[in-house]
């Protein structure tokens, strides 16, 4: 098992990534890690933080894709960037997963055109963990990859999210809910009304109906499905609430669970190999948890199970 990590992506690269790698390896995890980045800089930091040399390899890169660069153009014009090299390693089978907190657009473009969607998937999606008030954990998707969707896309998101909840979150029979403005069938806009009957007829999920905004954090459903515009608004609102709590020095067991670093990063669901996108402000804890998530996606053979579901 080999996980590649873009060491140059994110606001605190590469030092926080080195610390995250150190913390991951200190727990005797089984994966080897491939560290892609500026070799002299990485060697100095890896020595400074006493990362065991037999647990990683450095793959030199000479370019970095900036956060504000055009994703497609940057991938074409910077073949020696850490992101481009990472996707090349993953596509060729030299690594088993790829992680980056760099340019999100470049990560999505690379996933689509280098790794490619699973056969039958119209659009890959990204999701985020939802902390429930009762202590359980759910999944919200899409949260930004697909601002405009068709009903068929949301139906596929539901299947992907259900498989993720089952194999990664450990929920035996995930309840799938459609994010809507009312509980009754027939509520919502054209997209919601068209999606409801597809979810109801989907034999691969346990659909429980509509879920309103006030119910998202109340354990009404384990997988919450919506288009990326709505999902991203919900995600950013949750991040804002957590930020307000921290600034006012208010700590509760529940709201502390909104800290994104506890969950690592966002998996791209629906592509052929594990790709995880981190928040640009990720620090060591988040990188460690991204590595743990990648490890779990590999060990559970999640993407093979997704491919099998859509092949059937």
C-alpha atoms as a PDB file:
ATOM      1  CA  UNK A   1       0.000   0.000   0.000  1.00  0.00           C
ATOM      2  CA  UNK A   2       1.527   3.300  -1.111  1.00  0.00           C
ATOM      3  CA  UNK A   3      -0.085   6.716  -0.629  1.00  0.00           C
ATOM      4  CA  UNK A   4       1.199   9.758  -2.534  1.00  0.00           C
ATOM      5  CA  UNK A   5       1.055  13.156  -0.874  1.00  0.00           C
ATOM      6  CA  UNK A   6       1.409  16.549  -2.565  1.00  0.00           C
ATOM      7  CA  UNK A   7       3.833  18.173  -0.134  1.00  0.00           C
ATOM      8  CA  UNK A   8       3.658  21.611  -1.773  1.00  0.00           C
ATOM      9  CA  UNK A   9      -0.128  22.172  -1.676  1.00  0.00           C
ATOM     10  CA  UNK A  10      -1.891  24.148   1.046  1.00  0.00           C
ATOM     11  CA  UNK A  11      -1.229  27.329   2.987  1.00  0.00           C
ATOM     12  CA  UNK A  12       1.197  25.712   5.452  1.00  0.00           C
ATOM     13  CA  UNK A  13       3.141  23.491   3.073  1.00  0.00           C
ATOM     14  CA  UNK A  14       5.447  21.732   3.394  1.00  0.00           C
ATOM     15  CA  UNK A  15       6.134  21.923   7.147  1.00  0.00           C
ATOM     16  CA  UNK A  16       2.651  20.941   8.364  1.00  0.00           C
ATOM     17  CA  UNK A  17       2.582  18.071   5.876  1.00  0.00           C
ATOM     18  CA  UNK A  18       5.873  16.731   7.203  1.00  0.00           C
ATOM     19  CA  UNK A  19       4.490  16.890  10.749  1.00  0.00           C
ATOM     20  CA  UNK A  20       1.336  15.089   9.627  1.00  0.00           C
ATOM     21  CA  UNK A  21       3.386  12.363   7.928  1.00  0.00           C
ATOM     22  CA  UNK A  22       5.479  11.989  11.089  1.00  0.00           C
ATOM     23  CA  UNK A  23       2.344  11.593  13.225  1.00  0.00           C
ATOM     24  CA  UNK A  24       0.846   9.067  10.806  1.00  0.00           C
ATOM     25  CA  UNK A  25       3.999   6.953  10.655  1.00  0.00           C
ATOM     26  CA  UNK A  26       4.520   7.093  14.430  1.00  0.00           C
ATOM     27  CA  UNK A  27       1.400   4.949  14.882  1.00  0.00           C
ATOM     28  CA  UNK A  28       2.924   2.084  12.869  1.00  0.00           C
ATOM     29  CA  UNK A  29       0.393   2.349  10.064  1.00  0.00           C
ATOM     30  CA  UNK A  30       0.927  -0.098   7.198  1.00  0.00           C
ATOM     31  CA  UNK A  31       1.204   2.256   4.222  1.00  0.00           C
ATOM     32  CA  UNK A  32       4.375   3.564   2.662  1.00  0.00           C
ATOM     33  CA  UNK A  33       4.178   7.224   1.663  1.00  0.00           C
ATOM     34  CA  UNK A  34       5.479   8.938  -1.460  1.00  0.00           C
ATOM     35  CA  UNK A  35       6.247  12.592  -0.760  1.00  0.00           C
ATOM     36  CA  UNK A  36       6.103  14.794  -3.862  1.00  0.00           C
ATOM     37  CA  UNK A  37       7.780  18.168  -3.636  1.00  0.00           C
ATOM     38  CA  UNK A  38      10.936  20.238  -3.443  1.00  0.00           C
ATOM     39  CA  UNK A  39      13.552  17.634  -2.479  1.00  0.00           C
ATOM     40  CA  UNK A  40      16.095  19.802  -0.581  1.00  0.00           C
ATOM     41  CA  UNK A  41      13.349  21.487   1.399  1.00  0.00           C
ATOM     42  CA  UNK A  42      11.685  18.174   2.244  1.00  0.00           C
ATOM     43  CA  UNK A  43      14.918  16.478   3.279  1.00  0.00           C
ATOM     44  CA  UNK A  44      15.707  19.291   5.707  1.00  0.00           C
ATOM     45  CA  UNK A  45      12.233  19.162   7.322  1.00  0.00           C
ATOM     46  CA  UNK A  46      12.087  15.352   7.431  1.00  0.00           C
ATOM     47  CA  UNK A  47      15.413  15.348   9.282  1.00  0.00           C
ATOM     48  CA  UNK A  48      14.285  18.158  11.578  1.00  0.00           C
ATOM     49  CA  UNK A  49      11.107  16.300  12.582  1.00  0.00           C
ATOM     50  CA  UNK A  50      12.882  12.917  12.785  1.00  0.00           C
ATOM     51  CA  UNK A  51      10.665  11.094  10.294  1.00  0.00           C
ATOM     52  CA  UNK A  52      11.973   7.512   9.901  1.00  0.00           C
ATOM     53  CA  UNK A  53      13.703   7.270   6.516  1.00  0.00           C
ATOM     54  CA  UNK A  54      12.608   3.711   5.727  1.00  0.00           C
ATOM     55  CA  UNK A  55       8.903   4.651   5.695  1.00  0.00           C
ATOM     56  CA  UNK A  56       8.859   7.166   2.861  1.00  0.00           C
ATOM     57  CA  UNK A  57      10.352   8.039  -0.495  1.00  0.00           C
ATOM     58  CA  UNK A  58      10.780  11.521  -1.946  1.00  0.00           C
ATOM     59  CA  UNK A  59       9.686  12.202  -5.511  1.00  0.00           C
ATOM     60  CA  UNK A  60      11.138  15.499  -6.677  1.00  0.00           C
ATOM     61  CA  UNK A  61       8.943  18.129  -8.308  1.00  0.00           C
ATOM     62  CA  UNK A  62      10.093  21.488  -9.629  1.00  0.00           C
ATOM     63  CA  UNK A  63       6.764  23.287 -10.075  1.00  0.00           C
ATOM     64  CA  UNK A  64       3.771  24.210  -7.925  1.00  0.00           C
ATOM     65  CA  UNK A  65       0.213  24.928  -9.056  1.00  0.00           C
ATOM     66  CA  UNK A  66      -0.951  27.998  -7.151  1.00  0.00           C
ATOM     67  CA  UNK A  67      -4.365  28.235  -5.531  1.00  0.00           C
ATOM     68  CA  UNK A  68      -5.562  30.912  -7.950  1.00  0.00           C
ATOM     69  CA  UNK A  69      -4.264  29.370 -11.173  1.00  0.00           C
ATOM     70  CA  UNK A  70      -6.618  28.127 -13.884  1.00  0.00           C
ATOM     71  CA  UNK A  71      -6.805  24.365 -13.154  1.00  0.00           C
ATOM     72  CA  UNK A  72      -6.800  22.907 -16.665  1.00  0.00           C
ATOM     73  CA  UNK A  73      -4.202  25.337 -18.005  1.00  0.00           C
ATOM     74  CA  UNK A  74      -1.936  24.805 -15.005  1.00  0.00           C
ATOM     75  CA  UNK A  75      -2.014  21.007 -15.333  1.00  0.00           C
ATOM     76  CA  UNK A  76      -1.085  21.290 -19.013  1.00  0.00           C
ATOM     77  CA  UNK A  77       1.598  23.930 -18.571  1.00  0.00           C
ATOM     78  CA  UNK A  78       3.145  22.503 -15.374  1.00  0.00           C
ATOM     79  CA  UNK A  79       3.762  18.786 -15.967  1.00  0.00           C
ATOM     80  CA  UNK A  80       6.467  18.822 -13.286  1.00  0.00           C
ATOM     81  CA  UNK A  81       4.150  20.193 -10.611  1.00  0.00           C
ATOM     82  CA  UNK A  82       3.475  18.126  -7.500  1.00  0.00           C
ATOM     83  CA  UNK A  83      -0.198  17.689  -8.452  1.00  0.00           C
ATOM     84  CA  UNK A  84       0.513  16.587 -12.030  1.00  0.00           C
ATOM     85  CA  UNK A  85       3.178  14.127 -10.860  1.00  0.00           C
ATOM     86  CA  UNK A  86       0.821  12.786  -8.191  1.00  0.00           C
ATOM     87  CA  UNK A  87      -1.877  11.984 -10.727  1.00  0.00           C
ATOM     88  CA  UNK A  88       0.696  10.432 -13.047  1.00  0.00           C
ATOM     89  CA  UNK A  89       1.879   8.075 -10.302  1.00  0.00           C
ATOM     90  CA  UNK A  90      -1.682   7.114  -9.404  1.00  0.00           C
ATOM     91  CA  UNK A  91      -2.774   6.538 -13.011  1.00  0.00           C
ATOM     92  CA  UNK A  92       0.253   4.338 -13.731  1.00  0.00           C
ATOM     93  CA  UNK A  93      -0.337   2.180 -10.644  1.00  0.00           C
ATOM     94  CA  UNK A  94       2.871   3.242  -8.886  1.00  0.00           C
ATOM     95  CA  UNK A  95       0.808   4.525  -5.950  1.00  0.00           C
ATOM     96  CA  UNK A  96      -2.595   3.498  -4.586  1.00  0.00           C
ATOM     97  CA  UNK A  97      -4.029   6.877  -3.530  1.00  0.00           C
ATOM     98  CA  UNK A  98      -3.293  10.586  -3.911  1.00  0.00           C
ATOM     99  CA  UNK A  99      -3.809  13.419  -1.416  1.00  0.00           C
ATOM    100  CA  UNK A 100      -3.484  17.180  -1.883  1.00  0.00           C
ATOM    101  CA  UNK A 101      -4.641  20.339  -0.147  1.00  0.00           C
ATOM    102  CA  UNK A 102      -3.598  22.378  -3.165  1.00  0.00           C
ATOM    103  CA  UNK A 103      -5.658  23.817  -6.027  1.00  0.00           C
ATOM    104  CA  UNK A 104      -9.100  22.174  -5.703  1.00  0.00           C
ATOM    105  CA  UNK A 105      -9.971  22.731  -9.349  1.00  0.00           C
ATOM    106  CA  UNK A 106      -6.770  21.032 -10.468  1.00  0.00           C
ATOM    107  CA  UNK A 107      -7.541  18.083  -8.197  1.00  0.00           C
ATOM    108  CA  UNK A 108     -11.020  17.713  -9.674  1.00  0.00           C
ATOM    109  CA  UNK A 109      -9.770  18.088 -13.259  1.00  0.00           C
ATOM    110  CA  UNK A 110      -7.001  15.566 -12.615  1.00  0.00           C
ATOM    111  CA  UNK A 111      -9.493  13.120 -11.134  1.00  0.00           C
ATOM    112  CA  UNK A 112     -11.786  13.427 -14.159  1.00  0.00           C
ATOM    113  CA  UNK A 113      -9.252  13.316 -16.953  1.00  0.00           C
ATOM    114  CA  UNK A 114      -6.324  11.354 -15.529  1.00  0.00           C
ATOM    115  CA  UNK A 115      -7.945   8.837 -13.176  1.00  0.00           C
ATOM    116  CA  UNK A 116     -11.321   8.975 -14.985  1.00  0.00           C
ATOM    117  CA  UNK A 117     -14.804   8.188 -13.641  1.00  0.00           C
ATOM    118  CA  UNK A 118     -15.936   4.662 -12.885  1.00  0.00           C
ATOM    119  CA  UNK A 119     -17.762   3.224 -15.888  1.00  0.00           C
ATOM    120  CA  UNK A 120     -21.415   4.244 -15.656  1.00  0.00           C
ATOM    121  CA  UNK A 121     -20.798   7.299 -13.463  1.00  0.00           C
ATOM    122  CA  UNK A 122     -22.015  10.469 -15.165  1.00  0.00           C
ATOM    123  CA  UNK A 123     -20.419  12.850 -12.658  1.00  0.00           C
ATOM    124  CA  UNK A 124     -18.115  12.147  -9.720  1.00  0.00           C
ATOM    125  CA  UNK A 125     -19.002  13.934  -6.501  1.00  0.00           C
ATOM    126  CA  UNK A 126     -17.386  15.188  -3.317  1.00  0.00           C
ATOM    127  CA  UNK A 127     -18.893  14.863   0.131  1.00  0.00           C
ATOM    128  CA  UNK A 128     -18.294  16.043   3.668  1.00  0.00           C
ATOM    129  CA  UNK A 129     -18.826  14.529   7.102  1.00  0.00           C
ATOM    130  CA  UNK A 130     -21.881  15.761   9.033  1.00  0.00           C
ATOM    131  CA  UNK A 131     -21.693  15.554  12.863  1.00  0.00           C
ATOM    132  CA  UNK A 132     -25.097  14.630  14.307  1.00  0.00           C
ATOM    133  CA  UNK A 133     -26.321  15.949  17.646  1.00  0.00           C
ATOM    134  CA  UNK A 134     -26.644  12.437  19.091  1.00  0.00           C
ATOM    135  CA  UNK A 135     -22.968  11.642  18.410  1.00  0.00           C
ATOM    136  CA  UNK A 136     -23.427   9.748  15.153  1.00  0.00           C
ATOM    137  CA  UNK A 137     -21.879  10.754  11.826  1.00  0.00           C
ATOM    138  CA  UNK A 138     -23.433  11.314   8.399  1.00  0.00           C
ATOM    139  CA  UNK A 139     -22.352  12.284   4.906  1.00  0.00           C
ATOM    140  CA  UNK A 140     -23.516  15.270   2.818  1.00  0.00           C
ATOM    141  CA  UNK A 141     -22.978  15.239  -0.942  1.00  0.00           C
ATOM    142  CA  UNK A 142     -22.442  16.994  -3.293  1.00  0.00           C
ATOM    143  CA  UNK A 143     -20.673  19.923  -1.591  1.00  0.00           C
ATOM    144  CA  UNK A 144     -19.295  21.852  -4.530  1.00  0.00           C
ATOM    145  CA  UNK A 145     -18.090  19.741  -7.442  1.00  0.00           C
ATOM    146  CA  UNK A 146     -21.414  19.978  -9.303  1.00  0.00           C
ATOM    147  CA  UNK A 147     -23.285  23.238  -8.758  1.00  0.00           C
ATOM    148  CA  UNK A 148     -25.924  22.290 -11.358  1.00  0.00           C
ATOM    149  CA  UNK A 149     -27.217  18.734 -11.537  1.00  0.00           C
ATOM    150  CA  UNK A 150     -29.822  16.512 -13.115  1.00  0.00           C
ATOM    151  CA  UNK A 151     -31.959  14.082 -11.151  1.00  0.00           C
ATOM    152  CA  UNK A 152     -29.917  11.168 -12.511  1.00  0.00           C
ATOM    153  CA  UNK A 153     -26.771  12.695 -11.014  1.00  0.00           C
ATOM    154  CA  UNK A 154     -28.309  12.954  -7.542  1.00  0.00           C
ATOM    155  CA  UNK A 155     -29.508   9.368  -7.820  1.00  0.00           C
ATOM    156  CA  UNK A 156     -25.938   8.253  -8.496  1.00  0.00           C
ATOM    157  CA  UNK A 157     -24.639  10.428  -5.641  1.00  0.00           C
ATOM    158  CA  UNK A 158     -27.039   8.580  -3.349  1.00  0.00           C
ATOM    159  CA  UNK A 159     -25.614   5.193  -4.339  1.00  0.00           C
ATOM    160  CA  UNK A 160     -22.008   6.385  -3.994  1.00  0.00           C
ATOM    161  CA  UNK A 161     -22.721   8.027  -0.638  1.00  0.00           C
ATOM    162  CA  UNK A 162     -24.502   4.954   0.655  1.00  0.00           C
ATOM    163  CA  UNK A 163     -21.531   2.733  -0.186  1.00  0.00           C
ATOM    164  CA  UNK A 164     -19.140   5.208   1.451  1.00  0.00           C
ATOM    165  CA  UNK A 165     -21.271   5.351   4.607  1.00  0.00           C
ATOM    166  CA  UNK A 166     -21.429   1.587   4.739  1.00  0.00           C
ATOM    167  CA  UNK A 167     -17.751   0.764   4.204  1.00  0.00           C
ATOM    168  CA  UNK A 168     -15.975   3.838   5.618  1.00  0.00           C
ATOM    169  CA  UNK A 169     -18.353   5.127   8.305  1.00  0.00           C
ATOM    170  CA  UNK A 170     -19.443   1.623   9.341  1.00  0.00           C
ATOM    171  CA  UNK A 171     -23.199   2.181   8.947  1.00  0.00           C
ATOM    172  CA  UNK A 172     -24.712  -1.184   8.024  1.00  0.00           C
ATOM    173  CA  UNK A 173     -27.848   0.103   6.285  1.00  0.00           C
ATOM    174  CA  UNK A 174     -27.393   3.850   5.614  1.00  0.00           C
ATOM    175  CA  UNK A 175     -30.576   5.920   5.479  1.00  0.00           C
ATOM    176  CA  UNK A 176     -30.589   8.200   2.437  1.00  0.00           C
ATOM    177  CA  UNK A 177     -32.453  11.524   2.532  1.00  0.00           C
ATOM    178  CA  UNK A 178     -33.035  14.150  -0.142  1.00  0.00           C
ATOM    179  CA  UNK A 179     -32.327  17.682   1.094  1.00  0.00           C
ATOM    180  CA  UNK A 180     -35.517  19.630   0.392  1.00  0.00           C
ATOM    181  CA  UNK A 181     -37.754  22.469   1.621  1.00  0.00           C
ATOM    182  CA  UNK A 182     -40.460  20.166   2.927  1.00  0.00           C
ATOM    183  CA  UNK A 183     -40.969  16.595   4.100  1.00  0.00           C
ATOM    184  CA  UNK A 184     -43.833  15.661   1.785  1.00  0.00           C
ATOM    185  CA  UNK A 185     -43.320  13.960  -1.565  1.00  0.00           C
ATOM    186  CA  UNK A 186     -43.860  16.515  -4.329  1.00  0.00           C
ATOM    187  CA  UNK A 187     -42.190  19.367  -2.435  1.00  0.00           C
ATOM    188  CA  UNK A 188     -39.273  21.385  -3.772  1.00  0.00           C
ATOM    189  CA  UNK A 189     -38.032  22.716  -7.066  1.00  0.00           C
ATOM    190  CA  UNK A 190     -38.013  20.902 -10.401  1.00  0.00           C
ATOM    191  CA  UNK A 191     -34.770  19.071  -9.559  1.00  0.00           C
ATOM    192  CA  UNK A 192     -36.014  17.814  -6.188  1.00  0.00           C
ATOM    193  CA  UNK A 193     -39.358  16.709  -7.635  1.00  0.00           C
ATOM    194  CA  UNK A 194     -37.615  14.795 -10.425  1.00  0.00           C
ATOM    195  CA  UNK A 195     -35.083  13.214  -8.052  1.00  0.00           C
ATOM    196  CA  UNK A 196     -37.526  11.899  -5.458  1.00  0.00           C
ATOM    197  CA  UNK A 197     -39.067   9.091  -7.582  1.00  0.00           C
ATOM    198  CA  UNK A 198     -35.615   7.976  -8.770  1.00  0.00           C
ATOM    199  CA  UNK A 199     -34.376   7.628  -5.202  1.00  0.00           C
ATOM    200  CA  UNK A 200     -37.602   5.896  -4.198  1.00  0.00           C
ATOM    201  CA  UNK A 201     -37.101   3.320  -6.961  1.00  0.00           C
ATOM    202  CA  UNK A 202     -33.343   2.845  -6.417  1.00  0.00           C
ATOM    203  CA  UNK A 203     -32.859  -0.745  -5.136  1.00  0.00           C
ATOM    204  CA  UNK A 204     -29.285  -0.055  -3.976  1.00  0.00           C
ATOM    205  CA  UNK A 205     -30.209   2.451  -1.260  1.00  0.00           C
ATOM    206  CA  UNK A 206     -32.498   2.757   1.758  1.00  0.00           C
ATOM    207  CA  UNK A 207     -34.375   5.951   0.883  1.00  0.00           C
ATOM    208  CA  UNK A 208     -36.301   7.564   3.751  1.00  0.00           C
ATOM    209  CA  UNK A 209     -37.674  10.631   1.919  1.00  0.00           C
ATOM    210  CA  UNK A 210     -37.059  14.353   2.158  1.00  0.00           C
ATOM    211  CA  UNK A 211     -34.944  15.982   4.865  1.00  0.00           C
ATOM    212  CA  UNK A 212     -35.368  19.674   5.682  1.00  0.00           C
ATOM    213  CA  UNK A 213     -32.539  22.028   6.597  1.00  0.00           C
ATOM    214  CA  UNK A 214     -33.505  22.000  10.289  1.00  0.00           C
ATOM    215  CA  UNK A 215     -33.102  18.205  10.377  1.00  0.00           C
ATOM    216  CA  UNK A 216     -29.656  17.878   8.768  1.00  0.00           C
ATOM    217  CA  UNK A 217     -27.774  17.669  12.076  1.00  0.00           C
ATOM    218  CA  UNK A 218     -30.475  15.698  13.923  1.00  0.00           C
ATOM    219  CA  UNK A 219     -29.776  12.154  12.723  1.00  0.00           C
ATOM    220  CA  UNK A 220     -32.765  11.883  10.400  1.00  0.00           C
ATOM    221  CA  UNK A 221     -30.594  10.416   7.625  1.00  0.00           C
ATOM    222  CA  UNK A 222     -27.066   9.047   7.275  1.00  0.00           C
ATOM    223  CA  UNK A 223     -26.552  10.184   3.664  1.00  0.00           C
ATOM    224  CA  UNK A 224     -27.877  13.608   2.658  1.00  0.00           C
ATOM    225  CA  UNK A 225     -28.135  14.225  -1.082  1.00  0.00           C
ATOM    226  CA  UNK A 226     -28.303  17.571  -2.895  1.00  0.00           C
ATOM    227  CA  UNK A 227     -26.703  19.451  -5.754  1.00  0.00           C
ATOM    228  CA  UNK A 228     -23.338  21.111  -5.092  1.00  0.00           C
ATOM    229  CA  UNK A 229     -24.691  24.654  -4.799  1.00  0.00           C
ATOM    230  CA  UNK A 230     -26.908  23.815  -1.827  1.00  0.00           C
ATOM    231  CA  UNK A 231     -24.348  21.450  -0.328  1.00  0.00           C
ATOM    232  CA  UNK A 232     -21.579  24.025  -0.430  1.00  0.00           C
ATOM    233  CA  UNK A 233     -23.782  26.629   1.270  1.00  0.00           C
ATOM    234  CA  UNK A 234     -24.535  24.139   4.065  1.00  0.00           C
ATOM    235  CA  UNK A 235     -20.837  23.251   4.399  1.00  0.00           C
ATOM    236  CA  UNK A 236     -19.670  26.862   4.577  1.00  0.00           C
ATOM    237  CA  UNK A 237     -22.423  27.722   7.075  1.00  0.00           C
ATOM    238  CA  UNK A 238     -21.294  24.867   9.327  1.00  0.00           C
ATOM    239  CA  UNK A 239     -17.668  26.034   9.053  1.00  0.00           C
ATOM    240  CA  UNK A 240     -18.767  29.561   9.942  1.00  0.00           C
ATOM    241  CA  UNK A 241     -20.634  28.386  13.049  1.00  0.00           C
ATOM    242  CA  UNK A 242     -17.579  26.457  14.204  1.00  0.00           C
ATOM    243  CA  UNK A 243     -15.399  29.518  13.602  1.00  0.00           C
ATOM    244  CA  UNK A 244     -17.744  31.746  15.615  1.00  0.00           C
ATOM    245  CA  UNK A 245     -17.684  29.274  18.511  1.00  0.00           C
ATOM    246  CA  UNK A 246     -13.889  29.189  18.498  1.00  0.00           C
ATOM    247  CA  UNK A 247     -13.532  32.977  18.347  1.00  0.00           C
ATOM    248  CA  UNK A 248     -15.905  33.353  21.276  1.00  0.00           C
ATOM    249  CA  UNK A 249     -14.052  30.612  23.147  1.00  0.00           C
ATOM    250  CA  UNK A 250     -17.185  28.495  23.421  1.00  0.00           C
ATOM    251  CA  UNK A 251     -16.394  24.789  23.467  1.00  0.00           C
ATOM    252  CA  UNK A 252     -18.973  22.035  23.575  1.00  0.00           C
ATOM    253  CA  UNK A 253     -18.560  18.357  22.825  1.00  0.00           C
ATOM    254  CA  UNK A 254     -20.920  18.690  19.872  1.00  0.00           C
ATOM    255  CA  UNK A 255     -19.632  21.833  18.180  1.00  0.00           C
ATOM    256  CA  UNK A 256     -16.017  20.755  18.624  1.00  0.00           C
ATOM    257  CA  UNK A 257     -16.878  17.916  16.201  1.00  0.00           C
ATOM    258  CA  UNK A 258     -17.305  20.506  13.429  1.00  0.00           C
ATOM    259  CA  UNK A 259     -13.524  20.851  13.237  1.00  0.00           C
ATOM    260  CA  UNK A 260     -12.710  19.665   9.699  1.00  0.00           C
ATOM    261  CA  UNK A 261      -9.259  18.489  10.771  1.00  0.00           C
ATOM    262  CA  UNK A 262     -10.853  15.604  12.689  1.00  0.00           C
ATOM    263  CA  UNK A 263     -12.008  14.125   9.369  1.00  0.00           C
ATOM    264  CA  UNK A 264      -9.033  14.987   7.179  1.00  0.00           C
ATOM    265  CA  UNK A 265     -10.213  15.747   3.685  1.00  0.00           C
ATOM    266  CA  UNK A 266     -12.927  15.259   1.117  1.00  0.00           C
ATOM    267  CA  UNK A 267     -12.864  12.094  -1.018  1.00  0.00           C
ATOM    268  CA  UNK A 268     -13.699  12.299  -4.712  1.00  0.00           C
ATOM    269  CA  UNK A 269     -16.349   9.592  -5.110  1.00  0.00           C
ATOM    270  CA  UNK A 270     -17.008   8.012  -8.479  1.00  0.00           C
ATOM    271  CA  UNK A 271     -13.472   7.905  -9.918  1.00  0.00           C
ATOM    272  CA  UNK A 272     -11.400   4.752 -10.329  1.00  0.00           C
ATOM    273  CA  UNK A 273      -8.818   5.331  -7.588  1.00  0.00           C
ATOM    274  CA  UNK A 274      -8.751   7.063  -4.181  1.00  0.00           C
ATOM    275  CA  UNK A 275      -8.280  10.841  -4.447  1.00  0.00           C
ATOM    276  CA  UNK A 276      -8.639  13.035  -1.346  1.00  0.00           C
ATOM    277  CA  UNK A 277      -8.831  16.833  -1.408  1.00  0.00           C
ATOM    278  CA  UNK A 278      -7.759  18.696   1.712  1.00  0.00           C
ATOM    279  CA  UNK A 279      -8.743  22.145   2.970  1.00  0.00           C
ATOM    280  CA  UNK A 280      -6.175  24.801   2.063  1.00  0.00           C
ATOM    281  CA  UNK A 281      -5.692  25.692   5.727  1.00  0.00           C
ATOM    282  CA  UNK A 282      -5.024  22.101   6.794  1.00  0.00           C
ATOM    283  CA  UNK A 283      -2.412  21.465   9.453  1.00  0.00           C
ATOM    284  CA  UNK A 284      -0.687  18.325  10.701  1.00  0.00           C
ATOM    285  CA  UNK A 285      -3.776  16.715  12.270  1.00  0.00           C
ATOM    286  CA  UNK A 286      -5.755  17.016   9.050  1.00  0.00           C
ATOM    287  CA  UNK A 287      -2.950  15.508   6.960  1.00  0.00           C
ATOM    288  CA  UNK A 288      -2.609  12.577   9.328  1.00  0.00           C
ATOM    289  CA  UNK A 289      -6.353  11.944   9.074  1.00  0.00           C
ATOM    290  CA  UNK A 290      -6.262  12.239   5.277  1.00  0.00           C
ATOM    291  CA  UNK A 291      -3.634   9.506   5.226  1.00  0.00           C
ATOM    292  CA  UNK A 292      -5.784   7.352   7.519  1.00  0.00           C
ATOM    293  CA  UNK A 293      -8.805   7.901   5.258  1.00  0.00           C
ATOM    294  CA  UNK A 294      -6.831   6.960   2.144  1.00  0.00           C
ATOM    295  CA  UNK A 295      -5.571   3.854   3.935  1.00  0.00           C
ATOM    296  CA  UNK A 296      -9.140   2.842   4.815  1.00  0.00           C
ATOM    297  CA  UNK A 297     -10.420   3.451   1.282  1.00  0.00           C
ATOM    298  CA  UNK A 298      -7.665   1.179  -0.050  1.00  0.00           C
ATOM    299  CA  UNK A 299      -8.028  -1.569   2.568  1.00  0.00           C
ATOM    300  CA  UNK A 300     -11.829  -1.779   2.219  1.00  0.00           C
ATOM    301  CA  UNK A 301     -11.552  -1.852  -1.604  1.00  0.00           C
ATOM    302  CA  UNK A 302     -14.263   0.807  -1.632  1.00  0.00           C
ATOM    303  CA  UNK A 303     -13.789   1.864  -5.245  1.00  0.00           C
ATOM    304  CA  UNK A 304     -13.916  -1.714  -6.492  1.00  0.00           C
ATOM    305  CA  UNK A 305     -17.219  -2.100  -4.655  1.00  0.00           C
ATOM    306  CA  UNK A 306     -18.507   1.099  -6.285  1.00  0.00           C
ATOM    307  CA  UNK A 307     -17.436  -0.113  -9.716  1.00  0.00           C
ATOM    308  CA  UNK A 308     -19.177  -3.427  -9.088  1.00  0.00           C
ATOM    309  CA  UNK A 309     -22.401  -1.679  -8.068  1.00  0.00           C
ATOM    310  CA  UNK A 310     -22.551   0.396 -11.229  1.00  0.00           C
ATOM    311  CA  UNK A 311     -21.518  -2.504 -13.428  1.00  0.00           C
ATOM    312  CA  UNK A 312     -24.465  -4.480 -12.064  1.00  0.00           C
END
